[in-house]
Amino acid sequence: MSNLLQDKVFVFAQNPTPSDSEIYFLDMVANAAELTGAKNYETIKHGENYDLYKADSNSGQKFVKLSLDPSYDFYKDPEPPNGPKTFKIIQFDAGIPVVAKIEDAISGQNLVEIGESALNFGWKNVVEAIVQNSQTPSPRTLKQHLKDLYKRTSLEEDENLRTLVETNSTNYQLVKSGILELKQEVQTLYKPWYSAETLIHGNLSADNIFFTKDRAAFSSWGNSYSGHLFLELAALKMNLDFPADLEYNMFLALKESAGVSQSWEDYNQCKIFVSSYKFLECVYSFIKETFLFEGERKNELLKLSSYFCRNLGNFSKLSGFKKHQDELLKLFSSPVV
């Protein structure tokens, strides 16, 4: 079991539906949490520090979050009014430490299931949910979020990855200095008003936006923090390729519903700031896929390449992109080729 869990990222990440090994492990979690009648497991998301599944049970549908990172703290996840409510959090040892969070599932379908075009009709519900959720206190600030991001994207913090990059890259110091330059640009673009005391999800996407009969709701709040609502809209636009006029309508609705005073020009400056740290995440994730996973996770590489190409217009405004444009375009086009 220990080897199975340690190799989980290689075994499971390619599967849109749970494998027999995953189901076996999820049954172990259900038994440990005394979740009776657990069955019909469905993969919702393979995250970087946790995996998310949906399951039927005698007490209704549940989300099951699993993490093999002993430092991952599910207790810090906020519970917004439109988010899933915690059923149970458990920790146990299955050869290596495992932490699991079981929540009441959202009774609806996400945008992966019904298609991203549904946002064209349900965007007002999404804006309403963003504003309602923003009133929930958050234990993490934007500055703490960035601090965690810098640590998560540091080669010095990951000895295994650092060794692989040093051994297999032609110029380790160039890679290291490039990452540092991206972090410095994030700091340069930061403005104090971005650190508003409102809760944002931070990474709304097709797999965590659910539509029920009359509202929208969001799952996967583990990386949420407090910040200006423009950060939420900017990240959403980068994750989903919806029309510019819809983006503007959502901007106007946020201003009206939340009483936001900043202008459209302010929003676009905020989007450049969001692009800077999303660019950092994207580049570092590509480094991990290339050196740590040896390019074997083709689906993950294609997702990163697609995200990069979709956001070229945003990234091209960054000095870090302009400086290494030719190399980046060649690097991120290679999975597609």
Foldseek 3Di string as FASTA:
>chain_A
DLVCVVCVCVPPVQDQFDDPVRVVVVVVVCVVLVFAAWDDKGWLDDDPFWTWIWTQTPVGIKIKIKGLDPPQDPVQFFAFPQEWAWDDWDWDDPPGIMIMTITHDDPFAFCVVVPPCCCVVAVLLVLVSQQRRQVTFHPAWPVNLLVVLLLVLACVNPVVLLVLCVVPPPDSVVVRVLLVVLSVLLVVLDDVQFGARTKAQQADARSFWGDDPPHIGGYDSSSIHGGDCLSRLLNHCLRDPDDPVVSVVSVVSNCVVNVDDDDPVVSLSSSLSSVSSVVSVLVSVLSCCCRVVVVSNLVVLLSSLVSCVSCVVSCVVGPSCVVCVVVVVVSSCVSVD
